[in-house]
Amino acid sequence: MDTIANQAADWFMSLKTDPHRQGEFAAWLRASPRHVEEFLLVTAAWRTLDGVTLDKVLERGADLPPSADIVALPVEQSHPSRHLRARPRRWWMASAAAAMVCAGAGILTWAYSTGWLGGEHYTTSIGEIRSFELQDRSVVHLNTHSEMAVRYSAQAREVELREGEALFKVARDLSRPFRVRTDQVTIQALGTEFNVYRQAQGTVVSVIEGRVRVSRRDNGETVEIGAGERIDVLPSRLSTPVEMSDPAQVISWRNRRLLFKNDALAKVTAEFNRYNRALRLRVEGDTAGRTQLTGIFDAGDPESLLLFLSDVPELAIERRDGEAVIRSR
């Protein structure tokens, strides 16, 4: 049975080998106070048992009275989800209490640094789109495979977009600026609705309503853009703001629709891959990748794109295990 104690132990081992799962771990912790309690117990017991074998535990606890109460303690250092059921005597309880303090301090430090404690933390998995109303009644739509942390104070409203894409509709509050940060840029809302897409090569900021102030975090370069405009945050500079031909295209993802207008097939397939695990799309060759496409598709239905492309005589589609390869004939 997948008990909370076993889940906590599995998370403990997972975070030691895969720190990139911190977003999922934070969501699991926030789901229940029991999750926090069990994780602290696992961490404390692990640290206390470091270097302690089952033989040593039995040796120290051989004189326990038969009426001893029951608590969960890890048995083997190699797999903390296996548990020995016996309450230690006072020498053990003192050690466990000390270890609990250390473990709790470590978790609290991590929680504050990631925005889980003292703020709000939101994630979406591949294919998932979620909407949230924040404390100040601002509304955020979080796109697929995205992560953000929110911290509010008496002076400011701060959002860190750590991965992916989000659409912000900001509630007006002149006394507390609303700022969105990525690794490259800070966007300050001036009473507005805007979209931020954090990509591997940079950040794209698109304004739907109102205005925003975009500032590079490395050199302070600042540009203001208004409704219907977009700016690209390049590795070394801010691009010149451009007018969007169709702002609705930028936020069509909110309704799980992908809208393309003369977009290169390489970009189209990359967008589909953001929303889908089961079938990955891959374009081979520059000629095929530059093929332009216009259409509206369901973000979760890559088969609809392949059906559309099957009528393009210049393209061939080859299916492999979990993958569709598109190339020129």
C-alpha atoms as a PDB file:
ATOM      1  CA  MET A   1       0.000   0.000   0.000  1.00  0.00           C
ATOM      2  CA  ASP A   2       1.313   3.453  -0.944  1.00  0.00           C
ATOM      3  CA  THR A   3       1.120   5.077   2.512  1.00  0.00           C
ATOM      4  CA  ILE A   4       2.061   8.681   3.213  1.00  0.00           C
ATOM      5  CA  ALA A   5       5.129   7.441   5.092  1.00  0.00           C
ATOM      6  CA  ASN A   6       6.258   5.483   2.055  1.00  0.00           C
ATOM      7  CA  GLN A   7       5.588   8.474  -0.203  1.00  0.00           C
ATOM      8  CA  ALA A   8       7.700  10.660   2.095  1.00  0.00           C
ATOM      9  CA  ALA A   9      10.547   8.143   2.012  1.00  0.00           C
ATOM     10  CA  ASP A  10      10.345   7.918  -1.778  1.00  0.00           C
ATOM     11  CA  TRP A  11      10.468  11.716  -2.039  1.00  0.00           C
ATOM     12  CA  PHE A  12      13.499  11.782   0.267  1.00  0.00           C
ATOM     13  CA  MET A  13      15.416   9.419  -2.006  1.00  0.00           C
ATOM     14  CA  SER A  14      14.159  11.068  -5.197  1.00  0.00           C
ATOM     15  CA  LEU A  15      15.318  14.553  -4.202  1.00  0.00           C
ATOM     16  CA  LYS A  16      18.806  13.216  -3.445  1.00  0.00           C
ATOM     17  CA  THR A  17      19.130  11.990  -7.044  1.00  0.00           C
ATOM     18  CA  ASP A  18      16.828  14.323  -8.994  1.00  0.00           C
ATOM     19  CA  PRO A  19      16.697  17.893  -7.567  1.00  0.00           C
ATOM     20  CA  HIS A  20      14.736  19.077 -10.616  1.00  0.00           C
ATOM     21  CA  ARG A  21      11.582  17.580  -9.084  1.00  0.00           C
ATOM     22  CA  GLN A  22      11.403  20.281  -6.401  1.00  0.00           C
ATOM     23  CA  GLY A  23       8.291  21.772  -7.993  1.00  0.00           C
ATOM     24  CA  GLU A  24       6.417  18.468  -7.775  1.00  0.00           C
ATOM     25  CA  PHE A  25       7.741  17.943  -4.249  1.00  0.00           C
ATOM     26  CA  ALA A  26       6.449  21.370  -3.135  1.00  0.00           C
ATOM     27  CA  ALA A  27       2.997  20.546  -4.523  1.00  0.00           C
ATOM     28  CA  TRP A  28       3.006  17.251  -2.617  1.00  0.00           C
ATOM     29  CA  LEU A  29       3.984  19.006   0.627  1.00  0.00           C
ATOM     30  CA  ARG A  30       1.269  21.644   0.241  1.00  0.00           C
ATOM     31  CA  ALA A  31      -1.410  19.017  -0.297  1.00  0.00           C
ATOM     32  CA  SER A  32      -1.570  18.089   3.411  1.00  0.00           C
ATOM     33  CA  PRO A  33       0.104  18.914   6.744  1.00  0.00           C
ATOM     34  CA  ARG A  34       0.522  15.138   7.144  1.00  0.00           C
ATOM     35  CA  HIS A  35       2.883  15.162   4.173  1.00  0.00           C
ATOM     36  CA  VAL A  36       5.124  17.734   5.883  1.00  0.00           C
ATOM     37  CA  GLU A  37       5.032  15.796   9.148  1.00  0.00           C
ATOM     38  CA  GLU A  38       5.929  12.475   7.529  1.00  0.00           C
ATOM     39  CA  PHE A  39       8.728  13.989   5.482  1.00  0.00           C
ATOM     40  CA  LEU A  40      10.235  15.566   8.610  1.00  0.00           C
ATOM     41  CA  LEU A  41      10.029  12.203  10.379  1.00  0.00           C
ATOM     42  CA  VAL A  42      11.751  10.391   7.523  1.00  0.00           C
ATOM     43  CA  THR A  43      14.474  13.030   7.284  1.00  0.00           C
ATOM     44  CA  ALA A  44      15.077  13.091  11.030  1.00  0.00           C
ATOM     45  CA  ALA A  45      15.182   9.326  11.340  1.00  0.00           C
ATOM     46  CA  TRP A  46      17.493   9.015   8.343  1.00  0.00           C
ATOM     47  CA  ARG A  47      19.988  11.472   9.797  1.00  0.00           C
ATOM     48  CA  THR A  48      19.839   9.839  13.207  1.00  0.00           C
ATOM     49  CA  LEU A  49      20.276   6.366  11.714  1.00  0.00           C
ATOM     50  CA  ASP A  50      23.149   7.354   9.455  1.00  0.00           C
ATOM     51  CA  GLY A  51      25.635   4.542   9.927  1.00  0.00           C
ATOM     52  CA  VAL A  52      23.299   2.574  12.212  1.00  0.00           C
ATOM     53  CA  THR A  53      22.499  -0.970  11.082  1.00  0.00           C
ATOM     54  CA  LEU A  54      19.515  -3.107  12.031  1.00  0.00           C
ATOM     55  CA  ASP A  55      21.769  -5.195  14.326  1.00  0.00           C
ATOM     56  CA  LYS A  56      22.815  -2.090  16.235  1.00  0.00           C
ATOM     57  CA  VAL A  57      19.207  -0.944  16.640  1.00  0.00           C
ATOM     58  CA  LEU A  58      18.153  -4.358  17.958  1.00  0.00           C
ATOM     59  CA  GLU A  59      21.176  -4.485  20.253  1.00  0.00           C
ATOM     60  CA  ARG A  60      20.378  -1.072  21.786  1.00  0.00           C
ATOM     61  CA  GLY A  61      16.670  -1.881  22.044  1.00  0.00           C
ATOM     62  CA  ALA A  62      16.924  -5.448  23.340  1.00  0.00           C
ATOM     63  CA  ASP A  63      15.836  -4.457  26.826  1.00  0.00           C
ATOM     64  CA  LEU A  64      12.711  -2.584  25.739  1.00  0.00           C
ATOM     65  CA  PRO A  65       9.616  -3.620  27.699  1.00  0.00           C
ATOM     66  CA  PRO A  66       7.034  -5.702  25.792  1.00  0.00           C
ATOM     67  CA  SER A  67       4.483  -2.910  26.164  1.00  0.00           C
ATOM     68  CA  ALA A  68       6.550  -0.437  24.144  1.00  0.00           C
ATOM     69  CA  ASP A  69       4.446   1.800  21.908  1.00  0.00           C
ATOM     70  CA  ILE A  70       4.846   1.846  18.134  1.00  0.00           C
ATOM     71  CA  VAL A  71       6.290   4.440  15.778  1.00  0.00           C
ATOM     72  CA  ALA A  72       7.810   4.187  12.300  1.00  0.00           C
ATOM     73  CA  LEU A  73      11.601   4.090  11.983  1.00  0.00           C
ATOM     74  CA  PRO A  74      13.699   3.238   8.898  1.00  0.00           C
ATOM     75  CA  VAL A  75      15.530  -0.100   9.048  1.00  0.00           C
ATOM     76  CA  GLU A  76      18.037  -0.005   6.212  1.00  0.00           C
ATOM     77  CA  GLN A  77      20.078   2.931   5.048  1.00  0.00           C
ATOM     78  CA  SER A  78      19.798   1.656   1.476  1.00  0.00           C
ATOM     79  CA  HIS A  79      15.993   1.924   1.398  1.00  0.00           C
ATOM     80  CA  PRO A  80      14.250   4.236   3.865  1.00  0.00           C
ATOM     81  CA  SER A  81      10.735   3.163   2.821  1.00  0.00           C
ATOM     82  CA  ARG A  82      11.141  -0.118   4.774  1.00  0.00           C
ATOM     83  CA  HIS A  83      10.125   0.416   8.377  1.00  0.00           C
ATOM     84  CA  LEU A  84      10.830  -1.136  11.778  1.00  0.00           C
ATOM     85  CA  ARG A  85       8.012  -0.765  14.271  1.00  0.00           C
ATOM     86  CA  ALA A  86       9.304  -0.059  17.793  1.00  0.00           C
ATOM     87  CA  ARG A  87       9.462   3.049  19.946  1.00  0.00           C
ATOM     88  CA  PRO A  88      12.998   3.864  21.094  1.00  0.00           C
ATOM     89  CA  ARG A  89      13.858   4.606  24.676  1.00  0.00           C
ATOM     90  CA  ARG A  90      14.783   8.086  25.904  1.00  0.00           C
ATOM     91  CA  TRP A  91      18.286   7.958  24.413  1.00  0.00           C
ATOM     92  CA  TRP A  92      16.737   7.457  20.984  1.00  0.00           C
ATOM     93  CA  MET A  93      14.004  10.070  21.469  1.00  0.00           C
ATOM     94  CA  ALA A  94      16.569  12.718  22.386  1.00  0.00           C
ATOM     95  CA  SER A  95      18.624  11.938  19.284  1.00  0.00           C
ATOM     96  CA  ALA A  96      15.562  11.924  17.079  1.00  0.00           C
ATOM     97  CA  ALA A  97      14.393  15.252  18.471  1.00  0.00           C
ATOM     98  CA  ALA A  98      17.757  16.840  17.724  1.00  0.00           C
ATOM     99  CA  ALA A  99      17.744  15.416  14.215  1.00  0.00           C
ATOM    100  CA  MET A 100      14.178  16.648  13.715  1.00  0.00           C
ATOM    101  CA  VAL A 101      15.287  20.206  14.475  1.00  0.00           C
ATOM    102  CA  CYS A 102      18.079  19.935  11.892  1.00  0.00           C
ATOM    103  CA  ALA A 103      15.762  18.432   9.298  1.00  0.00           C
ATOM    104  CA  GLY A 104      13.060  21.012   9.959  1.00  0.00           C
ATOM    105  CA  ALA A 105      15.546  23.860   9.601  1.00  0.00           C
ATOM    106  CA  GLY A 106      16.745  22.439   6.292  1.00  0.00           C
ATOM    107  CA  ILE A 107      13.234  22.108   4.906  1.00  0.00           C
ATOM    108  CA  LEU A 108      12.280  25.596   6.063  1.00  0.00           C
ATOM    109  CA  THR A 109      15.386  27.041   4.405  1.00  0.00           C
ATOM    110  CA  TRP A 110      14.532  25.273   1.184  1.00  0.00           C
ATOM    111  CA  ALA A 111      10.874  26.316   1.412  1.00  0.00           C
ATOM    112  CA  TYR A 112      11.693  30.013   1.815  1.00  0.00           C
ATOM    113  CA  SER A 113      14.290  29.935  -0.965  1.00  0.00           C
ATOM    114  CA  THR A 114      11.866  28.345  -3.441  1.00  0.00           C
ATOM    115  CA  GLY A 115       8.849  30.460  -2.518  1.00  0.00           C
ATOM    116  CA  TRP A 116       6.886  27.514  -1.084  1.00  0.00           C
ATOM    117  CA  LEU A 117       6.700  29.031   2.388  1.00  0.00           C
ATOM    118  CA  GLY A 118       5.860  32.706   2.764  1.00  0.00           C
ATOM    119  CA  GLY A 119       4.333  32.677  -0.724  1.00  0.00           C
ATOM    120  CA  GLU A 120       2.503  30.569  -3.263  1.00  0.00           C
ATOM    121  CA  HIS A 121       3.949  28.040  -5.664  1.00  0.00           C
ATOM    122  CA  TYR A 122       2.243  26.795  -8.831  1.00  0.00           C
ATOM    123  CA  THR A 123       3.200  24.168 -11.409  1.00  0.00           C
ATOM    124  CA  THR A 124       1.633  22.465 -14.397  1.00  0.00           C
ATOM    125  CA  SER A 125       2.602  19.177 -16.009  1.00  0.00           C
ATOM    126  CA  ILE A 126       2.881  18.509 -19.742  1.00  0.00           C
ATOM    127  CA  GLY A 127      -0.513  19.089 -21.349  1.00  0.00           C
ATOM    128  CA  GLU A 128      -1.973  20.758 -18.242  1.00  0.00           C
ATOM    129  CA  ILE A 129      -3.323  24.333 -18.189  1.00  0.00           C
ATOM    130  CA  ARG A 130      -4.483  25.897 -14.914  1.00  0.00           C
ATOM    131  CA  SER A 131      -5.968  29.213 -13.785  1.00  0.00           C
ATOM    132  CA  PHE A 132      -5.534  30.886 -10.390  1.00  0.00           C
ATOM    133  CA  GLU A 133      -6.871  33.947  -8.596  1.00  0.00           C
ATOM    134  CA  LEU A 134      -4.120  35.470  -6.473  1.00  0.00           C
ATOM    135  CA  GLN A 135      -4.479  37.227  -3.117  1.00  0.00           C
ATOM    136  CA  ASP A 136      -5.012  40.632  -4.723  1.00  0.00           C
ATOM    137  CA  ARG A 137      -7.621  39.236  -7.186  1.00  0.00           C
ATOM    138  CA  SER A 138      -5.165  39.224 -10.076  1.00  0.00           C
ATOM    139  CA  VAL A 139      -5.760  36.211 -12.324  1.00  0.00           C
ATOM    140  CA  VAL A 140      -3.030  33.995 -13.758  1.00  0.00           C
ATOM    141  CA  HIS A 141      -3.418  31.385 -16.484  1.00  0.00           C
ATOM    142  CA  LEU A 142      -0.449  28.985 -16.366  1.00  0.00           C
ATOM    143  CA  ASN A 143       0.372  27.137 -19.572  1.00  0.00           C
ATOM    144  CA  THR A 144       1.682  23.608 -20.024  1.00  0.00           C
ATOM    145  CA  HIS A 145       4.893  22.480 -18.246  1.00  0.00           C
ATOM    146  CA  SER A 146       5.280  25.746 -16.339  1.00  0.00           C
ATOM    147  CA  GLU A 147       6.315  26.819 -12.858  1.00  0.00           C
ATOM    148  CA  MET A 148       6.004  30.042 -10.916  1.00  0.00           C
ATOM    149  CA  ALA A 149       6.340  31.337  -7.350  1.00  0.00           C
ATOM    150  CA  VAL A 150       4.380  34.298  -5.938  1.00  0.00           C
ATOM    151  CA  ARG A 151       5.306  36.476  -2.965  1.00  0.00           C
ATOM    152  CA  TYR A 152       3.251  39.434  -1.747  1.00  0.00           C
ATOM    153  CA  SER A 153       4.353  42.070   0.735  1.00  0.00           C
ATOM    154  CA  ALA A 154       3.068  45.452   1.859  1.00  0.00           C
ATOM    155  CA  GLN A 155       5.336  47.096  -0.738  1.00  0.00           C
ATOM    156  CA  ALA A 156       5.112  44.881  -3.834  1.00  0.00           C
ATOM    157  CA  ARG A 157       3.619  41.880  -5.601  1.00  0.00           C
ATOM    158  CA  GLU A 158       6.377  39.658  -6.968  1.00  0.00           C
ATOM    159  CA  VAL A 159       6.075  36.709  -9.344  1.00  0.00           C
ATOM    160  CA  GLU A 160       8.989  34.550 -10.470  1.00  0.00           C
ATOM    161  CA  LEU A 161       8.264  32.657 -13.683  1.00  0.00           C
ATOM    162  CA  ARG A 162      10.785  29.833 -13.470  1.00  0.00           C
ATOM    163  CA  GLU A 163       9.691  27.895 -16.509  1.00  0.00           C
ATOM    164  CA  GLY A 164       7.100  27.982 -19.260  1.00  0.00           C
ATOM    165  CA  GLU A 165       4.413  30.541 -20.004  1.00  0.00           C
ATOM    166  CA  ALA A 166       1.769  32.534 -18.141  1.00  0.00           C
ATOM    167  CA  LEU A 167      -0.930  35.089 -18.925  1.00  0.00           C
ATOM    168  CA  PHE A 168      -1.428  37.746 -16.227  1.00  0.00           C
ATOM    169  CA  LYS A 169      -4.545  39.897 -15.746  1.00  0.00           C
ATOM    170  CA  VAL A 170      -3.423  42.295 -13.034  1.00  0.00           C
ATOM    171  CA  ALA A 171      -5.713  43.836 -10.401  1.00  0.00           C
ATOM    172  CA  ARG A 172      -5.072  47.545  -9.972  1.00  0.00           C
ATOM    173  CA  ASP A 173      -3.171  48.523  -6.810  1.00  0.00           C
ATOM    174  CA  LEU A 174      -1.061  51.659  -7.138  1.00  0.00           C
ATOM    175  CA  SER A 175       0.544  51.161  -3.715  1.00  0.00           C
ATOM    176  CA  ARG A 176       2.012  47.755  -4.619  1.00  0.00           C
ATOM    177  CA  PRO A 177       3.685  47.308  -8.021  1.00  0.00           C
ATOM    178  CA  PHE A 178       3.095  43.974  -9.766  1.00  0.00           C
ATOM    179  CA  ARG A 179       6.331  42.547 -11.179  1.00  0.00           C
ATOM    180  CA  VAL A 180       7.095  39.332 -13.059  1.00  0.00           C
ATOM    181  CA  ARG A 181      10.702  38.138 -13.179  1.00  0.00           C
ATOM    182  CA  THR A 182      12.531  35.605 -15.282  1.00  0.00           C
ATOM    183  CA  ASP A 183      16.248  34.929 -15.261  1.00  0.00           C
ATOM    184  CA  GLN A 184      16.755  37.712 -17.828  1.00  0.00           C
ATOM    185  CA  VAL A 185      14.120  40.360 -17.301  1.00  0.00           C
ATOM    186  CA  THR A 186      11.703  42.105 -14.937  1.00  0.00           C
ATOM    187  CA  ILE A 187       8.265  43.089 -16.260  1.00  0.00           C
ATOM    188  CA  GLN A 188       6.318  45.659 -14.259  1.00  0.00           C
ATOM    189  CA  ALA A 189       2.617  45.943 -14.973  1.00  0.00           C
ATOM    190  CA  LEU A 190       1.136  49.390 -15.413  1.00  0.00           C
ATOM    191  CA  GLY A 191      -2.495  48.205 -15.061  1.00  0.00           C
ATOM    192  CA  THR A 192      -2.653  45.558 -17.723  1.00  0.00           C
ATOM    193  CA  GLU A 193      -3.036  42.070 -19.188  1.00  0.00           C
ATOM    194  CA  PHE A 194       0.122  40.532 -20.614  1.00  0.00           C
ATOM    195  CA  ASN A 195       1.675  37.214 -21.603  1.00  0.00           C
ATOM    196  CA  VAL A 196       5.201  36.062 -20.666  1.00  0.00           C
ATOM    197  CA  TYR A 197       6.762  33.089 -22.452  1.00  0.00           C
ATOM    198  CA  ARG A 198      10.100  31.966 -21.040  1.00  0.00           C
ATOM    199  CA  GLN A 199      11.983  30.033 -23.723  1.00  0.00           C
ATOM    200  CA  ALA A 200      15.421  28.442 -23.812  1.00  0.00           C
ATOM    201  CA  GLN A 201      16.810  31.225 -26.012  1.00  0.00           C
ATOM    202  CA  GLY A 202      15.050  34.153 -24.332  1.00  0.00           C
ATOM    203  CA  THR A 203      11.758  35.582 -23.065  1.00  0.00           C
ATOM    204  CA  VAL A 204       8.848  36.902 -25.142  1.00  0.00           C
ATOM    205  CA  VAL A 205       6.590  39.558 -23.585  1.00  0.00           C
ATOM    206  CA  SER A 206       3.266  40.334 -25.293  1.00  0.00           C
ATOM    207  CA  VAL A 207       0.805  42.980 -24.067  1.00  0.00           C
ATOM    208  CA  ILE A 208      -2.919  42.375 -24.546  1.00  0.00           C
ATOM    209  CA  GLU A 209      -4.227  45.416 -22.637  1.00  0.00           C
ATOM    210  CA  GLY A 210      -2.581  48.416 -20.952  1.00  0.00           C
ATOM    211  CA  ARG A 211       1.186  48.843 -20.745  1.00  0.00           C
ATOM    212  CA  VAL A 212       4.211  47.158 -19.162  1.00  0.00           C
ATOM    213  CA  ARG A 213       7.769  48.217 -18.407  1.00  0.00           C
ATOM    214  CA  VAL A 214      10.372  45.621 -19.438  1.00  0.00           C
ATOM    215  CA  SER A 215      13.841  45.862 -17.857  1.00  0.00           C
ATOM    216  CA  ARG A 216      16.877  43.660 -18.343  1.00  0.00           C
ATOM    217  CA  ARG A 217      18.222  42.409 -15.023  1.00  0.00           C
ATOM    218  CA  ASP A 218      21.877  42.487 -16.075  1.00  0.00           C
ATOM    219  CA  ASN A 219      22.271  46.055 -17.388  1.00  0.00           C
ATOM    220  CA  GLY A 220      19.003  47.849 -16.548  1.00  0.00           C
ATOM    221  CA  GLU A 221      18.035  48.460 -20.210  1.00  0.00           C
ATOM    222  CA  THR A 222      14.329  49.393 -20.112  1.00  0.00           C
ATOM    223  CA  VAL A 223      11.544  49.629 -22.699  1.00  0.00           C
ATOM    224  CA  GLU A 224       7.822  50.327 -22.290  1.00  0.00           C
ATOM    225  CA  ILE A 225       5.354  48.581 -24.594  1.00  0.00           C
ATOM    226  CA  GLY A 226       1.597  48.928 -24.955  1.00  0.00           C
ATOM    227  CA  ALA A 227      -1.448  46.940 -26.013  1.00  0.00           C
ATOM    228  CA  GLY A 228      -0.923  44.923 -29.172  1.00  0.00           C
ATOM    229  CA  GLU A 229       2.877  45.074 -28.938  1.00  0.00           C
ATOM    230  CA  ARG A 230       5.491  42.398 -28.329  1.00  0.00           C
ATOM    231  CA  ILE A 231       9.147  42.435 -27.368  1.00  0.00           C
ATOM    232  CA  ASP A 232      11.789  39.688 -27.420  1.00  0.00           C
ATOM    233  CA  VAL A 233      14.387  39.533 -24.664  1.00  0.00           C
ATOM    234  CA  LEU A 234      17.473  38.370 -26.540  1.00  0.00           C
ATOM    235  CA  PRO A 235      20.645  37.039 -24.883  1.00  0.00           C
ATOM    236  CA  SER A 236      22.420  40.406 -25.141  1.00  0.00           C
ATOM    237  CA  ARG A 237      19.701  43.011 -25.593  1.00  0.00           C
ATOM    238  CA  LEU A 238      16.010  43.896 -25.840  1.00  0.00           C
ATOM    239  CA  SER A 239      14.600  43.763 -29.351  1.00  0.00           C
ATOM    240  CA  THR A 240      12.681  46.656 -30.884  1.00  0.00           C
ATOM    241  CA  PRO A 241       8.993  46.367 -29.935  1.00  0.00           C
ATOM    242  CA  VAL A 242       6.827  45.109 -32.789  1.00  0.00           C
ATOM    243  CA  GLU A 243       3.094  45.280 -33.381  1.00  0.00           C
ATOM    244  CA  MET A 244       1.359  41.919 -33.215  1.00  0.00           C
ATOM    245  CA  SER A 245      -0.745  41.107 -36.248  1.00  0.00           C
ATOM    246  CA  ASP A 246      -3.181  39.094 -34.119  1.00  0.00           C
ATOM    247  CA  PRO A 247      -2.944  39.308 -30.287  1.00  0.00           C
ATOM    248  CA  ALA A 248      -5.512  36.496 -30.039  1.00  0.00           C
ATOM    249  CA  GLN A 249      -2.906  34.140 -31.497  1.00  0.00           C
ATOM    250  CA  VAL A 250      -0.601  34.755 -28.526  1.00  0.00           C
ATOM    251  CA  ILE A 251      -3.155  33.650 -25.934  1.00  0.00           C
ATOM    252  CA  SER A 252      -5.085  31.036 -27.921  1.00  0.00           C
ATOM    253  CA  TRP A 253      -3.390  28.407 -25.717  1.00  0.00           C
ATOM    254  CA  ARG A 254      -5.643  29.470 -22.845  1.00  0.00           C
ATOM    255  CA  ASN A 255      -8.476  27.631 -24.602  1.00  0.00           C
ATOM    256  CA  ARG A 256      -6.187  24.737 -25.581  1.00  0.00           C
ATOM    257  CA  ARG A 257      -6.039  26.004 -29.146  1.00  0.00           C
ATOM    258  CA  LEU A 258      -2.883  26.504 -31.205  1.00  0.00           C
ATOM    259  CA  LEU A 259      -3.319  29.186 -33.848  1.00  0.00           C
ATOM    260  CA  PHE A 260      -0.700  29.487 -36.590  1.00  0.00           C
ATOM    261  CA  LYS A 261      -0.408  32.047 -39.384  1.00  0.00           C
ATOM    262  CA  ASN A 262       2.329  31.358 -41.927  1.00  0.00           C
ATOM    263  CA  ASP A 263       4.464  29.811 -39.189  1.00  0.00           C
ATOM    264  CA  ALA A 264       7.374  27.487 -39.979  1.00  0.00           C
ATOM    265  CA  LEU A 265       6.631  23.803 -39.491  1.00  0.00           C
ATOM    266  CA  ALA A 266       9.603  23.509 -37.124  1.00  0.00           C
ATOM    267  CA  LYS A 267       7.922  26.020 -34.804  1.00  0.00           C
ATOM    268  CA  VAL A 268       4.529  24.345 -35.182  1.00  0.00           C
ATOM    269  CA  THR A 269       5.803  20.909 -34.168  1.00  0.00           C
ATOM    270  CA  ALA A 270       7.760  22.388 -31.253  1.00  0.00           C
ATOM    271  CA  GLU A 271       4.545  23.946 -29.946  1.00  0.00           C
ATOM    272  CA  PHE A 272       2.649  20.655 -30.220  1.00  0.00           C
ATOM    273  CA  ASN A 273       5.429  18.863 -28.352  1.00  0.00           C
ATOM    274  CA  ARG A 274       4.964  21.204 -25.389  1.00  0.00           C
ATOM    275  CA  TYR A 275       1.520  19.692 -24.771  1.00  0.00           C
ATOM    276  CA  ASN A 276       1.979  16.004 -25.587  1.00  0.00           C
ATOM    277  CA  ARG A 277       3.927  13.039 -24.202  1.00  0.00           C
ATOM    278  CA  ALA A 278       2.496  10.072 -26.088  1.00  0.00           C
ATOM    279  CA  LEU A 279       3.337  11.227 -29.620  1.00  0.00           C
ATOM    280  CA  ARG A 280       6.389  13.359 -30.328  1.00  0.00           C
ATOM    281  CA  LEU A 281       6.731  15.232 -33.615  1.00  0.00           C
ATOM    282  CA  ARG A 282      10.092  15.703 -35.305  1.00  0.00           C
ATOM    283  CA  VAL A 283      10.983  17.545 -38.521  1.00  0.00           C
ATOM    284  CA  GLU A 284      13.980  16.378 -40.527  1.00  0.00           C
ATOM    285  CA  GLY A 285      15.687  18.738 -42.967  1.00  0.00           C
ATOM    286  CA  ASP A 286      15.720  22.512 -43.310  1.00  0.00           C
ATOM    287  CA  THR A 287      13.386  22.519 -46.297  1.00  0.00           C
ATOM    288  CA  ALA A 288      10.632  20.696 -44.417  1.00  0.00           C
ATOM    289  CA  GLY A 289      11.241  22.797 -41.311  1.00  0.00           C
ATOM    290  CA  ARG A 290      10.713  26.034 -43.237  1.00  0.00           C
ATOM    291  CA  THR A 291       7.384  24.898 -44.717  1.00  0.00           C
ATOM    292  CA  GLN A 292       4.790  27.485 -43.701  1.00  0.00           C
ATOM    293  CA  LEU A 293       1.494  26.500 -42.144  1.00  0.00           C
ATOM    294  CA  THR A 294      -1.738  28.324 -41.272  1.00  0.00           C
ATOM    295  CA  GLY A 295      -4.473  26.749 -39.198  1.00  0.00           C
ATOM    296  CA  ILE A 296      -6.136  26.256 -35.804  1.00  0.00           C
ATOM    297  CA  PHE A 297      -5.558  22.998 -33.918  1.00  0.00           C
ATOM    298  CA  ASP A 298      -6.379  21.349 -30.614  1.00  0.00           C
ATOM    299  CA  ALA A 299      -3.186  21.513 -28.521  1.00  0.00           C
ATOM    300  CA  GLY A 300      -3.723  17.974 -27.249  1.00  0.00           C
ATOM    301  CA  ASP A 301      -4.361  16.404 -30.655  1.00  0.00           C
ATOM    302  CA  PRO A 302      -1.147  16.064 -32.694  1.00  0.00           C
ATOM    303  CA  GLU A 303      -2.940  13.572 -34.941  1.00  0.00           C
ATOM    304  CA  SER A 304      -4.979  16.464 -36.335  1.00  0.00           C
ATOM    305  CA  LEU A 305      -1.764  18.123 -37.483  1.00  0.00           C
ATOM    306  CA  LEU A 306      -0.506  14.918 -39.090  1.00  0.00           C
ATOM    307  CA  LEU A 307      -3.831  14.499 -40.896  1.00  0.00           C
ATOM    308  CA  PHE A 308      -3.491  18.056 -42.200  1.00  0.00           C
ATOM    309  CA  LEU A 309       0.099  17.469 -43.330  1.00  0.00           C
ATOM    310  CA  SER A 310      -0.815  14.220 -45.079  1.00  0.00           C
ATOM    311  CA  ASP A 311      -2.498  16.346 -47.760  1.00  0.00           C
ATOM    312  CA  VAL A 312       0.674  18.346 -48.400  1.00  0.00           C
ATOM    313  CA  PRO A 313       2.292  16.607 -51.407  1.00  0.00           C
ATOM    314  CA  GLU A 314       5.787  17.935 -50.633  1.00  0.00           C
ATOM    315  CA  LEU A 315       5.900  16.220 -47.230  1.00  0.00           C
ATOM    316  CA  ALA A 316       6.224  12.611 -46.109  1.00  0.00           C
ATOM    317  CA  ILE A 317       5.383  11.263 -42.650  1.00  0.00           C
ATOM    318  CA  GLU A 318       7.037   8.226 -41.097  1.00  0.00           C
ATOM    319  CA  ARG A 319       5.761   6.763 -37.840  1.00  0.00           C
ATOM    320  CA  ARG A 320       8.067   5.119 -35.335  1.00  0.00           C
ATOM    321  CA  ASP A 321       7.625   4.093 -31.703  1.00  0.00           C
ATOM    322  CA  GLY A 322       5.962   7.090 -30.075  1.00  0.00           C
ATOM    323  CA  GLU A 323       7.264   9.438 -32.764  1.00  0.00           C
ATOM    324  CA  ALA A 324       6.197  10.882 -36.116  1.00  0.00           C
ATOM    325  CA  VAL A 325       9.018  12.081 -38.392  1.00  0.00           C
ATOM    326  CA  ILE A 326       8.151  14.678 -41.036  1.00  0.00           C
ATOM    327  CA  ARG A 327      10.490  15.233 -43.968  1.00  0.00           C
ATOM    328  CA  SER A 328      10.495  16.452 -47.570  1.00  0.00           C
ATOM    329  CA  ARG A 329       9.715  13.904 -50.284  1.00  0.00           C
END
